[in-house]
Amino acid sequence: MCIFCKIVNGEIPNNTVHENDDFLAFHDLYPKAPIHILIIPKKHVDCFQNVDPEMMVGMTAFMQEVAKKTGLDITGYRLITNNGKDGGQEIMHLHFHMLGGGKLLWNHQHEDPHKSI
């Protein structure tokens, strides 16, 4: 069972921001912005590529509710999902990062496997 499924099942505590029957939003333990919230479906889905589009309809509405609840709907925010190894996904359970609470910088760096050191 993945760490996010354990959080959903109550086996691992979290700092919940918002929750409904299908989705859970909680503060990231290692924030990359003043506000950094993880948003997950309670049903295990490995990654964005495998998500049912119908689930995304509900998840979109839920993410908008999280933004309103935190005030990020007014100030602005960034949504990120990493898909697969090369996309930077570390936990194989669909999740979105909602980042905000200040001006966010953008770093376009990547590792080039073809570049010699």
Protein backbone atom coordinates (compact mmCIF):
# COMPACT_ATOMS: atom_id res chain seq x y z
CA MET A 1 0.00 0.00 0.00
CA CYS A 2 1.42 3.42 -0.94
CA ILE A 3 1.96 6.23 1.55
CA PHE A 4 -1.00 8.25 0.24
CA CYS A 5 -3.33 5.25 0.61
CA LYS A 6 -2.10 4.92 4.20
CA ILE A 7 -2.92 8.61 4.77
CA VAL A 8 -6.41 8.09 3.30
CA ASN A 9 -6.92 5.06 5.57
CA GLY A 10 -5.89 7.07 8.65
CA GLU A 11 -2.73 5.01 9.25
CA ILE A 12 -0.51 8.09 8.83
CA PRO A 13 -1.59 11.48 10.22
CA ASN A 14 -1.78 14.56 8.02
CA ASN A 15 -2.63 18.23 8.30
CA THR A 16 -5.92 18.22 6.38
CA VAL A 17 -6.96 21.36 4.51
CA HIS A 18 -10.12 20.00 2.90
CA GLU A 19 -11.79 16.63 2.41
CA ASN A 20 -14.86 15.05 0.86
CA ASP A 21 -15.92 11.48 0.07
CA ASP A 22 -13.62 11.23 -2.96
CA PHE A 23 -10.63 13.55 -2.42
CA LEU A 24 -8.24 14.76 0.27
CA ALA A 25 -6.09 17.89 0.45
CA PHE A 26 -3.35 18.29 3.05
CA HIS A 27 -0.23 20.34 3.69
CA ASP A 28 3.01 18.99 2.21
CA LEU A 29 5.61 18.06 4.85
CA TYR A 30 8.38 19.62 2.75
CA PRO A 31 6.83 22.79 1.29
CA LYS A 32 8.31 24.44 -1.78
CA ALA A 33 6.21 27.60 -1.34
CA PRO A 34 4.57 29.45 1.59
CA ILE A 35 1.44 27.41 0.86
CA HIS A 36 2.04 23.91 -0.51
CA ILE A 37 -0.92 21.56 -0.51
CA LEU A 38 -1.09 18.02 -1.88
CA ILE A 39 -4.41 17.01 -3.45
CA ILE A 40 -5.15 13.32 -3.98
CA PRO A 41 -8.03 11.06 -4.93
CA LYS A 42 -8.96 8.67 -2.13
CA LYS A 43 -9.19 5.88 -4.70
CA HIS A 44 -5.72 4.74 -5.75
CA VAL A 45 -4.75 5.77 -9.28
CA ASP A 46 -1.08 5.42 -10.19
CA CYS A 47 -0.67 8.56 -12.27
CA PHE A 48 -2.37 11.21 -14.38
CA GLN A 49 -1.96 9.12 -17.52
CA ASN A 50 -4.16 6.41 -15.98
CA VAL A 51 -6.86 8.60 -14.43
CA ASP A 52 -10.46 8.29 -15.58
CA PRO A 53 -11.52 11.64 -17.09
CA GLU A 54 -14.73 11.46 -15.04
CA MET A 55 -12.66 11.44 -11.84
CA MET A 56 -10.87 14.58 -13.05
CA VAL A 57 -14.21 16.39 -13.33
CA GLY A 58 -14.76 15.92 -9.61
CA MET A 59 -11.13 16.56 -8.76
CA THR A 60 -11.15 19.85 -10.67
CA ALA A 61 -14.12 21.11 -8.64
CA PHE A 62 -12.42 19.92 -5.44
CA MET A 63 -9.17 21.74 -6.30
CA GLN A 64 -11.15 24.93 -6.94
CA GLU A 65 -12.75 24.54 -3.48
CA VAL A 66 -9.29 24.15 -1.91
CA ALA A 67 -8.14 27.33 -3.64
CA LYS A 68 -11.15 29.22 -2.29
CA LYS A 69 -10.72 27.81 1.21
CA THR A 70 -7.09 28.97 1.33
CA GLY A 71 -7.61 32.32 -0.43
CA LEU A 72 -5.40 31.25 -3.31
CA ASP A 73 -8.30 31.75 -5.73
CA ILE A 74 -7.76 35.49 -5.25
CA THR A 75 -3.96 35.72 -5.06
CA GLY A 76 -3.09 33.00 -7.57
CA TYR A 77 -1.51 29.57 -7.47
CA ARG A 78 0.27 26.93 -9.48
CA LEU A 79 -0.96 23.36 -9.97
CA ILE A 80 1.62 20.69 -10.74
CA THR A 81 1.34 16.98 -11.32
CA ASN A 82 4.35 14.87 -12.15
CA ASN A 83 3.70 11.88 -14.38
CA GLY A 84 6.11 8.95 -14.40
CA LYS A 85 9.80 8.67 -13.61
CA ASP A 86 11.07 11.21 -16.15
CA GLY A 87 8.29 13.59 -15.13
CA GLY A 88 9.58 13.55 -11.57
CA GLN A 89 6.82 11.46 -9.98
CA GLU A 90 8.15 10.01 -6.70
CA ILE A 91 4.95 8.55 -5.23
CA MET A 92 2.94 6.40 -7.61
CA HIS A 93 -0.46 7.73 -6.54
CA LEU A 94 -1.98 10.56 -8.55
CA HIS A 95 -1.44 13.85 -6.74
CA PHE A 96 -1.39 17.52 -7.52
CA HIS A 97 0.74 20.13 -5.80
CA MET A 98 -1.05 23.43 -5.19
CA LEU A 99 1.58 26.11 -4.61
CA GLY A 100 0.95 29.71 -3.64
CA GLY A 101 1.19 32.31 -0.94
CA GLY A 102 3.76 34.46 -2.77
CA LYS A 103 5.31 35.19 -6.15
CA LEU A 104 6.45 31.85 -7.58
CA LEU A 105 9.61 31.55 -9.64
CA TRP A 106 9.93 29.18 -12.59
CA ASN A 107 13.00 27.02 -13.12
CA HIS A 108 13.27 25.29 -16.49
CA GLN A 109 16.22 23.08 -15.58
CA HIS A 110 16.33 19.43 -16.54
CA GLU A 111 18.85 16.64 -16.58
CA ASP A 112 20.15 15.88 -20.08
CA PRO A 113 21.07 12.18 -20.25
CA HIS A 114 22.97 12.85 -23.50
CA LYS A 115 25.19 15.60 -22.13
CA SER A 116 28.69 14.45 -21.23
CA ILE A 117 30.14 15.60 -17.93
